[in-house]
Amino acid sequence: MPRAKGGSKTRQRRKKVLKKAKGYFGGRRKLYKTAAETVLRAGAFAYRGRKQKKRAARSLWIVRINAACRQVGLSYSKFMAALKKAGIQLDRKVLAELAVNDPPAFAKLTETARAQSR
């Protein structure tokens, strides 16, 4: 009985990797071994990047809130502490959106925070 080498399955698996490597430079696109390494590494970078994107977004929200608070003479940390103390449960994404697009509403929040911190 001849040895089974899994021809069609092996080909399918390799084609899948080479399809993912489409657009890479040189052997990274054409040679299975280097393409497989590169695709694996790209997957790791993509996974890490999805986490970093969330971190960067939160950081941007904090910068925007801080800038809006500084304009009225409050620090970010005191503002957030006062909001928590006042029982206002708005997340940083919404606060940043208010700071940029609706300054009067954000001004009301800063007034509430000032009253709470006294």
C-alpha atoms as a PDB file:
ATOM      1  CA  MET A   1       0.000   0.000   0.000  1.00  0.00           C
ATOM      2  CA  PRO A   2       1.480   3.379  -0.997  1.00  0.00           C
ATOM      3  CA  ARG A   3       2.224   6.024   1.583  1.00  0.00           C
ATOM      4  CA  ALA A   4      -0.470   8.725   1.846  1.00  0.00           C
ATOM      5  CA  LYS A   5       1.039  12.197   1.788  1.00  0.00           C
ATOM      6  CA  GLY A   6      -2.205  14.197   2.101  1.00  0.00           C
ATOM      7  CA  GLY A   7      -1.750  15.879  -1.277  1.00  0.00           C
ATOM      8  CA  SER A   8      -4.960  17.882  -1.609  1.00  0.00           C
ATOM      9  CA  LYS A   9      -5.110  18.885   2.077  1.00  0.00           C
ATOM     10  CA  THR A  10      -1.477  19.994   2.041  1.00  0.00           C
ATOM     11  CA  ARG A  11      -2.060  22.010  -1.123  1.00  0.00           C
ATOM     12  CA  GLN A  12      -5.166  23.652   0.375  1.00  0.00           C
ATOM     13  CA  ARG A  13      -3.287  24.581   3.529  1.00  0.00           C
ATOM     14  CA  ARG A  14      -0.387  26.066   1.566  1.00  0.00           C
ATOM     15  CA  LYS A  15      -2.678  27.962  -0.793  1.00  0.00           C
ATOM     16  CA  LYS A  16      -4.458  29.476   2.216  1.00  0.00           C
ATOM     17  CA  VAL A  17      -1.152  30.785   3.604  1.00  0.00           C
ATOM     18  CA  LEU A  18       0.027  32.088   0.229  1.00  0.00           C
ATOM     19  CA  LYS A  19      -3.304  33.863  -0.277  1.00  0.00           C
ATOM     20  CA  LYS A  20      -2.823  35.657   3.037  1.00  0.00           C
ATOM     21  CA  ALA A  21       0.717  36.597   1.954  1.00  0.00           C
ATOM     22  CA  LYS A  22      -0.570  38.323  -1.180  1.00  0.00           C
ATOM     23  CA  GLY A  23       0.991  41.764  -1.497  1.00  0.00           C
ATOM     24  CA  TYR A  24       4.162  40.938   0.421  1.00  0.00           C
ATOM     25  CA  PHE A  25       7.554  41.568  -1.184  1.00  0.00           C
ATOM     26  CA  GLY A  26       9.565  38.908  -3.031  1.00  0.00           C
ATOM     27  CA  GLY A  27       9.900  35.490  -1.451  1.00  0.00           C
ATOM     28  CA  ARG A  28       7.613  36.466   1.377  1.00  0.00           C
ATOM     29  CA  ARG A  29       4.825  36.235  -1.185  1.00  0.00           C
ATOM     30  CA  LYS A  30       6.007  33.324  -3.323  1.00  0.00           C
ATOM     31  CA  LEU A  31       7.832  30.846  -1.085  1.00  0.00           C
ATOM     32  CA  TYR A  32       5.689  28.852   1.311  1.00  0.00           C
ATOM     33  CA  LYS A  33       8.153  28.668   4.208  1.00  0.00           C
ATOM     34  CA  THR A  34       8.947  32.379   4.351  1.00  0.00           C
ATOM     35  CA  ALA A  35       5.322  33.281   3.603  1.00  0.00           C
ATOM     36  CA  ALA A  36       4.139  31.100   6.497  1.00  0.00           C
ATOM     37  CA  GLU A  37       6.591  32.787   8.893  1.00  0.00           C
ATOM     38  CA  THR A  38       5.578  36.243   7.710  1.00  0.00           C
ATOM     39  CA  VAL A  39       1.845  35.519   7.896  1.00  0.00           C
ATOM     40  CA  LEU A  40       2.242  34.172  11.432  1.00  0.00           C
ATOM     41  CA  ARG A  41       4.168  37.259  12.468  1.00  0.00           C
ATOM     42  CA  ALA A  42       1.660  39.556  10.757  1.00  0.00           C
ATOM     43  CA  GLY A  43      -1.121  37.867  12.721  1.00  0.00           C
ATOM     44  CA  ALA A  44       0.715  38.553  15.970  1.00  0.00           C
ATOM     45  CA  PHE A  45       1.184  42.207  15.007  1.00  0.00           C
ATOM     46  CA  ALA A  46      -2.486  42.500  14.041  1.00  0.00           C
ATOM     47  CA  TYR A  47      -3.598  41.022  17.372  1.00  0.00           C
ATOM     48  CA  ARG A  48      -1.330  43.382  19.299  1.00  0.00           C
ATOM     49  CA  GLY A  49      -2.424  46.308  17.129  1.00  0.00           C
ATOM     50  CA  ARG A  50      -6.083  45.784  17.984  1.00  0.00           C
ATOM     51  CA  LYS A  51      -5.225  46.206  21.672  1.00  0.00           C
ATOM     52  CA  GLN A  52      -3.001  49.242  21.017  1.00  0.00           C
ATOM     53  CA  LYS A  53      -5.743  50.927  19.002  1.00  0.00           C
ATOM     54  CA  LYS A  54      -8.043  50.844  22.047  1.00  0.00           C
ATOM     55  CA  ARG A  55      -5.258  52.227  24.254  1.00  0.00           C
ATOM     56  CA  ALA A  56      -4.518  55.039  21.814  1.00  0.00           C
ATOM     57  CA  ALA A  57      -8.204  55.982  21.584  1.00  0.00           C
ATOM     58  CA  ARG A  58      -8.553  56.191  25.372  1.00  0.00           C
ATOM     59  CA  SER A  59      -5.374  58.259  25.568  1.00  0.00           C
ATOM     60  CA  LEU A  60      -6.754  60.693  22.981  1.00  0.00           C
ATOM     61  CA  TRP A  61     -10.030  61.040  24.921  1.00  0.00           C
ATOM     62  CA  ILE A  62      -8.083  61.846  28.086  1.00  0.00           C
ATOM     63  CA  VAL A  63      -5.997  64.479  26.279  1.00  0.00           C
ATOM     64  CA  ARG A  64      -9.145  66.145  24.914  1.00  0.00           C
ATOM     65  CA  ILE A  65     -10.916  66.146  28.277  1.00  0.00           C
ATOM     66  CA  ASN A  66      -7.806  67.510  29.979  1.00  0.00           C
ATOM     67  CA  ALA A  67      -7.468  70.320  27.411  1.00  0.00           C
ATOM     68  CA  ALA A  68     -11.108  71.326  27.873  1.00  0.00           C
ATOM     69  CA  CYS A  69     -10.757  71.233  31.671  1.00  0.00           C
ATOM     70  CA  ARG A  70      -7.579  73.328  31.633  1.00  0.00           C
ATOM     71  CA  GLN A  71      -9.412  76.076  29.737  1.00  0.00           C
ATOM     72  CA  VAL A  72     -11.694  76.565  32.733  1.00  0.00           C
ATOM     73  CA  GLY A  73      -8.920  76.123  35.289  1.00  0.00           C
ATOM     74  CA  LEU A  74      -9.485  72.519  36.361  1.00  0.00           C
ATOM     75  CA  SER A  75      -7.117  69.583  36.184  1.00  0.00           C
ATOM     76  CA  TYR A  76      -8.208  66.333  34.577  1.00  0.00           C
ATOM     77  CA  SER A  77      -7.790  64.271  37.736  1.00  0.00           C
ATOM     78  CA  LYS A  78      -9.762  66.687  39.916  1.00  0.00           C
ATOM     79  CA  PHE A  79     -12.486  66.901  37.274  1.00  0.00           C
ATOM     80  CA  MET A  80     -12.846  63.114  37.032  1.00  0.00           C
ATOM     81  CA  ALA A  81     -12.801  62.701  40.814  1.00  0.00           C
ATOM     82  CA  ALA A  82     -15.497  65.370  41.202  1.00  0.00           C
ATOM     83  CA  LEU A  83     -17.690  63.746  38.546  1.00  0.00           C
ATOM     84  CA  LYS A  84     -17.398  60.411  40.316  1.00  0.00           C
ATOM     85  CA  LYS A  85     -18.226  62.048  43.636  1.00  0.00           C
ATOM     86  CA  ALA A  86     -21.256  63.760  42.060  1.00  0.00           C
ATOM     87  CA  GLY A  87     -22.469  60.405  40.744  1.00  0.00           C
ATOM     88  CA  ILE A  88     -22.173  61.390  37.076  1.00  0.00           C
ATOM     89  CA  GLN A  89     -21.374  58.204  35.181  1.00  0.00           C
ATOM     90  CA  LEU A  90     -20.203  59.358  31.761  1.00  0.00           C
ATOM     91  CA  ASP A  91     -17.337  57.492  30.175  1.00  0.00           C
ATOM     92  CA  ARG A  92     -14.292  59.212  28.720  1.00  0.00           C
ATOM     93  CA  LYS A  93     -15.452  58.692  25.140  1.00  0.00           C
ATOM     94  CA  VAL A  94     -18.669  60.635  25.753  1.00  0.00           C
ATOM     95  CA  LEU A  95     -16.886  63.322  27.798  1.00  0.00           C
ATOM     96  CA  ALA A  96     -14.340  63.857  25.017  1.00  0.00           C
ATOM     97  CA  GLU A  97     -17.153  64.076  22.464  1.00  0.00           C
ATOM     98  CA  LEU A  98     -18.913  66.703  24.613  1.00  0.00           C
ATOM     99  CA  ALA A  99     -15.687  68.652  25.088  1.00  0.00           C
ATOM    100  CA  VAL A 100     -15.135  68.883  21.332  1.00  0.00           C
ATOM    101  CA  ASN A 101     -18.663  69.164  19.914  1.00  0.00           C
ATOM    102  CA  ASP A 102     -20.807  70.615  22.718  1.00  0.00           C
ATOM    103  CA  PRO A 103     -18.793  73.071  24.864  1.00  0.00           C
ATOM    104  CA  PRO A 104     -21.864  74.489  26.717  1.00  0.00           C
ATOM    105  CA  ALA A 105     -22.816  71.018  27.973  1.00  0.00           C
ATOM    106  CA  PHE A 106     -19.223  70.363  29.002  1.00  0.00           C
ATOM    107  CA  ALA A 107     -19.157  73.746  30.792  1.00  0.00           C
ATOM    108  CA  LYS A 108     -22.153  72.612  32.872  1.00  0.00           C
ATOM    109  CA  LEU A 109     -20.245  69.483  33.824  1.00  0.00           C
ATOM    110  CA  THR A 110     -17.218  71.528  34.860  1.00  0.00           C
ATOM    111  CA  GLU A 111     -19.447  73.748  37.006  1.00  0.00           C
ATOM    112  CA  THR A 112     -20.871  70.646  38.681  1.00  0.00           C
ATOM    113  CA  ALA A 113     -17.327  69.419  39.249  1.00  0.00           C
ATOM    114  CA  ARG A 114     -16.277  72.757  40.751  1.00  0.00           C
ATOM    115  CA  ALA A 115     -19.253  72.704  43.123  1.00  0.00           C
ATOM    116  CA  GLN A 116     -18.386  69.138  44.154  1.00  0.00           C
ATOM    117  CA  SER A 117     -14.703  69.879  44.783  1.00  0.00           C
ATOM    118  CA  ARG A 118     -15.435  72.755  47.195  1.00  0.00           C
END
